[in-house]
Amino acid sequence: MPNGLRICPKCDQPVEELDADAIRLKKGDEGGWRGFVLTCPHCTAILGAGFDPIALIEDTAMRVAAKLQEPPKN
């Protein structure tokens, strides 16, 4: 792959950049987390997915703050 050229495994087109879209990630009936999917700009095949790290930090901070506001359990 000259000059770091990457090829989409679905459409065989060279990919120099990916499209990123927001998505909700969840497991079963759990609430879920904010994330993203990376897609080929030519054929829109999903090439990767992951957590949005900033959103994960924000969600965690909000959940901790909410727990701290709850009255103590005896």
C-alpha atoms as a PDB file:
ATOM      1  CA  MET A   1       0.000   0.000   0.000  1.00  0.00           C
ATOM      2  CA  PRO A   2       1.941   3.026  -1.207  1.00  0.00           C
ATOM      3  CA  ASN A   3       1.708   6.198   0.885  1.00  0.00           C
ATOM      4  CA  GLY A   4      -0.525   4.519   3.455  1.00  0.00           C
ATOM      5  CA  LEU A   5      -3.302   3.942   0.899  1.00  0.00           C
ATOM      6  CA  ARG A   6      -6.161   1.906   2.333  1.00  0.00           C
ATOM      7  CA  ILE A   7      -8.674  -0.105   0.322  1.00  0.00           C
ATOM      8  CA  CYS A   8     -12.302  -0.684   1.337  1.00  0.00           C
ATOM      9  CA  PRO A   9     -12.823  -4.443   1.801  1.00  0.00           C
ATOM     10  CA  LYS A  10     -16.313  -4.248   0.271  1.00  0.00           C
ATOM     11  CA  CYS A  11     -15.956  -2.032  -2.812  1.00  0.00           C
ATOM     12  CA  ASP A  12     -12.151  -2.159  -3.331  1.00  0.00           C
ATOM     13  CA  GLN A  13     -12.010   1.640  -3.678  1.00  0.00           C
ATOM     14  CA  PRO A  14      -9.135   3.587  -2.120  1.00  0.00           C
ATOM     15  CA  VAL A  15     -10.164   5.265   1.129  1.00  0.00           C
ATOM     16  CA  GLU A  16      -8.326   8.387   2.273  1.00  0.00           C
ATOM     17  CA  GLU A  17     -10.913   9.421   4.853  1.00  0.00           C
ATOM     18  CA  LEU A  18     -13.983   7.886   6.471  1.00  0.00           C
ATOM     19  CA  ASP A  19     -17.450   9.227   7.144  1.00  0.00           C
ATOM     20  CA  ALA A  20     -18.393   9.288  10.838  1.00  0.00           C
ATOM     21  CA  ASP A  21     -21.954   9.152  12.121  1.00  0.00           C
ATOM     22  CA  ALA A  22     -23.384   9.172  15.634  1.00  0.00           C
ATOM     23  CA  ILE A  23     -25.033   5.973  16.835  1.00  0.00           C
ATOM     24  CA  ARG A  24     -26.451   4.561  20.057  1.00  0.00           C
ATOM     25  CA  LEU A  25     -24.559   1.521  21.357  1.00  0.00           C
ATOM     26  CA  LYS A  26     -26.374  -0.834  23.704  1.00  0.00           C
ATOM     27  CA  LYS A  27     -26.305  -4.331  25.101  1.00  0.00           C
ATOM     28  CA  GLY A  28     -29.634  -6.017  25.657  1.00  0.00           C
ATOM     29  CA  ASP A  29     -32.065  -3.852  27.605  1.00  0.00           C
ATOM     30  CA  GLU A  30     -29.381  -1.627  29.130  1.00  0.00           C
ATOM     31  CA  GLY A  31     -29.679   2.112  28.534  1.00  0.00           C
ATOM     32  CA  GLY A  32     -26.855   2.355  26.060  1.00  0.00           C
ATOM     33  CA  TRP A  33     -24.039   4.757  25.295  1.00  0.00           C
ATOM     34  CA  ARG A  34     -23.292   7.314  22.619  1.00  0.00           C
ATOM     35  CA  GLY A  35     -20.904   6.116  19.960  1.00  0.00           C
ATOM     36  CA  PHE A  36     -20.003   6.408  16.308  1.00  0.00           C
ATOM     37  CA  VAL A  37     -19.713   4.313  13.175  1.00  0.00           C
ATOM     38  CA  LEU A  38     -17.060   4.799  10.513  1.00  0.00           C
ATOM     39  CA  THR A  39     -18.219   4.128   6.963  1.00  0.00           C
ATOM     40  CA  CYS A  40     -16.680   3.984   3.507  1.00  0.00           C
ATOM     41  CA  PRO A  41     -17.457   7.224   1.636  1.00  0.00           C
ATOM     42  CA  HIS A  42     -17.940   5.246  -1.599  1.00  0.00           C
ATOM     43  CA  CYS A  43     -20.228   2.339  -0.639  1.00  0.00           C
ATOM     44  CA  THR A  44     -21.220   3.225   2.972  1.00  0.00           C
ATOM     45  CA  ALA A  45     -19.995  -0.138   4.298  1.00  0.00           C
ATOM     46  CA  ILE A  46     -19.423   0.005   8.058  1.00  0.00           C
ATOM     47  CA  LEU A  47     -15.671  -0.238   8.622  1.00  0.00           C
ATOM     48  CA  GLY A  48     -15.589   0.393  12.349  1.00  0.00           C
ATOM     49  CA  ALA A  49     -17.494   1.507  15.426  1.00  0.00           C
ATOM     50  CA  GLY A  50     -16.633   2.737  18.876  1.00  0.00           C
ATOM     51  CA  PHE A  51     -17.581   4.729  21.939  1.00  0.00           C
ATOM     52  CA  ASP A  52     -17.550   8.507  21.766  1.00  0.00           C
ATOM     53  CA  PRO A  53     -14.905   9.123  24.479  1.00  0.00           C
ATOM     54  CA  ILE A  54     -16.061  12.647  25.333  1.00  0.00           C
ATOM     55  CA  ALA A  55     -19.699  11.565  25.551  1.00  0.00           C
ATOM     56  CA  LEU A  56     -18.671   8.607  27.723  1.00  0.00           C
ATOM     57  CA  ILE A  57     -16.920  10.960  30.168  1.00  0.00           C
ATOM     58  CA  GLU A  58     -19.935  13.308  30.204  1.00  0.00           C
ATOM     59  CA  ASP A  59     -22.402  10.446  30.758  1.00  0.00           C
ATOM     60  CA  THR A  60     -20.262   9.015  33.567  1.00  0.00           C
ATOM     61  CA  ALA A  61     -19.967  12.408  35.282  1.00  0.00           C
ATOM     62  CA  MET A  62     -23.743  12.947  35.063  1.00  0.00           C
ATOM     63  CA  ARG A  63     -24.462   9.489  36.525  1.00  0.00           C
ATOM     64  CA  VAL A  64     -22.001  10.038  39.393  1.00  0.00           C
ATOM     65  CA  ALA A  65     -23.486  13.483  40.122  1.00  0.00           C
ATOM     66  CA  ALA A  66     -27.004  12.004  40.155  1.00  0.00           C
ATOM     67  CA  LYS A  67     -25.912   9.259  42.586  1.00  0.00           C
ATOM     68  CA  LEU A  68     -24.302  11.836  44.883  1.00  0.00           C
ATOM     69  CA  GLN A  69     -27.598  13.764  45.025  1.00  0.00           C
ATOM     70  CA  GLU A  70     -29.556  10.695  46.195  1.00  0.00           C
ATOM     71  CA  PRO A  71     -30.316  10.439  49.907  1.00  0.00           C
ATOM     72  CA  PRO A  72     -28.117   7.944  51.768  1.00  0.00           C
ATOM     73  CA  LYS A  73     -29.457   4.400  52.025  1.00  0.00           C
ATOM     74  CA  ASN A  74     -29.634   2.954  55.529  1.00  0.00           C
END
